Amino acid sequence: MEGLELICFEIISNVGMARSCFINSIQEAQNGDFTKAEQLIEDGCELFIKGHHSHAKLIQEEANGMLERISLLLIHAEDQLMSAESFKILANELVKICKTNQDLKKQIELINPKK
């Protein structure tokens, strides 16, 4: 496997695992486990950064005239990178919404306790 393909697979692997962490964090927040949700976001961010660093290597190579071709694999890797970034943003916002929702439910229960 050549250098370009190897870096592309590094990107795809890391950001794919990051995206899974972000999706799982949303599910944990929906279940009310905010500690686990936040930990999954942190884990996802670490993986995302690894993928981003691999991508930065390719950008540097291109800037130095070392990247001679663009491949479908590279396009896929960049697509996965952007997808993971979108899920990161959404996961952060949805976890906040789930927390707010849970807090509101608790306040409602204090005002109107179930009989």
Protein backbone atom coordinates (compact mmCIF):
# COMPACT_ATOMS: atom_id res chain seq x y z
CA MET A 1 0.00 0.00 0.00
CA GLU A 2 1.38 3.37 -1.00
CA GLY A 3 1.70 6.42 1.26
CA LEU A 4 -1.43 8.17 -0.03
CA GLU A 5 -3.64 5.12 0.42
CA LEU A 6 -2.24 4.45 3.89
CA ILE A 7 -2.93 8.00 5.04
CA CYS A 8 -6.43 7.85 3.54
CA PHE A 9 -7.16 4.69 5.50
CA GLU A 10 -5.80 6.34 8.67
CA ILE A 11 -8.26 9.18 8.13
CA ILE A 12 -11.19 6.89 7.35
CA SER A 13 -10.48 4.62 10.31
CA ASN A 14 -10.03 7.35 12.90
CA VAL A 15 -12.91 9.58 11.84
CA GLY A 16 -15.18 6.56 11.38
CA MET A 17 -14.57 5.54 14.99
CA ALA A 18 -15.01 9.17 16.05
CA ARG A 19 -18.36 9.37 14.28
CA SER A 20 -19.47 6.18 16.05
CA CYS A 21 -18.53 7.73 19.40
CA PHE A 22 -20.55 10.84 18.58
CA ILE A 23 -23.60 8.79 17.58
CA ASN A 24 -23.30 6.65 20.71
CA SER A 25 -23.03 9.79 22.85
CA ILE A 26 -26.40 10.96 21.54
CA GLN A 27 -27.93 7.60 22.41
CA GLU A 28 -26.46 7.70 25.92
CA ALA A 29 -27.79 11.23 26.44
CA GLN A 30 -31.25 10.09 25.38
CA ASN A 31 -30.98 7.38 28.04
CA GLY A 32 -30.00 10.00 30.62
CA ASP A 33 -26.36 8.91 31.06
CA PHE A 34 -24.70 12.28 30.51
CA THR A 35 -21.39 11.25 32.05
CA LYS A 36 -21.02 8.49 29.49
CA ALA A 37 -22.30 10.76 26.71
CA GLU A 38 -19.69 13.39 27.50
CA GLN A 39 -16.93 10.77 27.73
CA LEU A 40 -17.89 9.42 24.31
CA ILE A 41 -17.70 12.93 22.86
CA GLU A 42 -14.22 13.34 24.38
CA ASP A 43 -13.13 9.96 22.98
CA GLY A 44 -14.57 10.90 19.60
CA CYS A 45 -12.74 14.23 19.62
CA GLU A 46 -9.41 12.48 20.27
CA LEU A 47 -10.01 10.11 17.36
CA PHE A 48 -11.18 12.98 15.15
CA ILE A 49 -7.98 14.90 15.89
CA LYS A 50 -5.90 11.88 14.82
CA GLY A 51 -7.79 11.77 11.54
CA HIS A 52 -7.44 15.51 11.13
CA HIS A 53 -3.68 15.29 11.68
CA SER A 54 -3.42 12.64 8.96
CA HIS A 55 -5.38 14.93 6.66
CA ALA A 56 -3.05 17.82 7.50
CA LYS A 57 -0.10 15.65 6.39
CA LEU A 58 -1.69 15.33 2.96
CA ILE A 59 -2.30 19.07 2.75
CA GLN A 60 1.36 19.71 3.59
CA GLU A 61 2.46 17.20 0.96
CA GLU A 62 0.29 18.90 -1.64
CA ALA A 63 1.63 22.33 -0.66
CA ASN A 64 5.17 21.00 -1.10
CA GLY A 65 4.35 19.54 -4.52
CA MET A 66 4.65 15.97 -3.27
CA LEU A 67 1.03 14.90 -3.80
CA GLU A 68 0.78 13.99 -7.44
CA ARG A 69 -2.77 12.73 -7.69
CA ILE A 70 -6.20 12.92 -6.17
CA SER A 71 -7.99 9.61 -5.80
CA LEU A 72 -11.51 8.49 -5.10
CA LEU A 73 -10.18 7.08 -1.83
CA LEU A 74 -8.95 10.54 -0.81
CA ILE A 75 -12.29 12.08 -1.69
CA HIS A 76 -14.02 9.41 0.42
CA ALA A 77 -11.63 10.08 3.32
CA GLU A 78 -12.37 13.80 3.18
CA ASP A 79 -16.10 13.10 3.01
CA GLN A 80 -15.84 10.92 6.11
CA LEU A 81 -13.84 13.63 7.87
CA MET A 82 -16.52 16.24 7.20
CA SER A 83 -19.30 13.82 8.17
CA ALA A 84 -17.62 13.12 11.50
CA GLU A 85 -17.20 16.84 12.13
CA SER A 86 -20.91 17.38 11.50
CA PHE A 87 -21.81 14.58 13.90
CA LYS A 88 -19.48 16.10 16.51
CA ILE A 89 -21.33 19.41 16.32
CA LEU A 90 -24.73 17.70 16.41
CA ALA A 91 -23.77 15.42 19.29
CA ASN A 92 -22.65 18.35 21.42
CA GLU A 93 -25.89 20.20 20.77
CA LEU A 94 -28.17 17.19 21.23
CA VAL A 95 -26.54 16.25 24.53
CA LYS A 96 -27.24 19.80 25.75
CA ILE A 97 -30.86 19.51 24.59
CA CYS A 98 -31.28 16.17 26.36
CA LYS A 99 -29.87 17.66 29.57
CA THR A 100 -32.24 20.60 29.36
CA ASN A 101 -35.15 18.28 28.67
CA GLN A 102 -34.31 16.14 31.69
CA ASP A 103 -33.98 19.23 33.90
CA LEU A 104 -37.36 20.51 32.73
CA LYS A 105 -38.98 17.14 33.44
CA LYS A 106 -37.57 17.21 36.98
CA GLN A 107 -38.93 20.72 37.53
CA ILE A 108 -42.35 19.70 36.25
CA GLU A 109 -42.38 16.69 38.58
CA LEU A 110 -41.60 18.98 41.52
CA ILE A 111 -44.52 21.22 40.60
CA ASN A 112 -46.90 18.42 39.64
CA PRO A 113 -45.87 15.22 41.43
CA LYS A 114 -47.37 12.03 40.02
CA LYS A 115 -49.92 10.44 42.31
